[in-house]
């Protein structure tokens, strides 16, 4: 079992930056590939970013490439999502998720919610004018 807690959400102006954190407890954090997903009102949860256990492999949704950066520190049991040049379309609840399957990189289906076993409760990000 692993517990995930997101933090760092809030209301920001368009074009601003924000950093989300995901802190894990329970099993060894370094066992997991991790993902970030988001869900806007009335929409399905969508993939944002994924990062391998070492941090060496990362994937991003096209809509956030070159604006968002995922990183992690296994010694701190923490993962971050640095979000720059935020847009109205980035408004959503952001979730972190853990994939405990042993592998060196990412799942072939890293962008699917069913590839992740553990989820946090989410943190709201609202981009305003």
Foldseek 3Di string as FASTA:
>chain_A
DKAKAKDWADEAAAQAKTKMKIAMDDPQLLLWWKFKWWDDPPGDIWGAKIAHSVRPEMDGDPVQPPFWDWDDDSVRRMIMIIGGRDDQVPWTWMKMFIQNDGDGTADPPNTDPVNTDYMYPTDTHGYHD
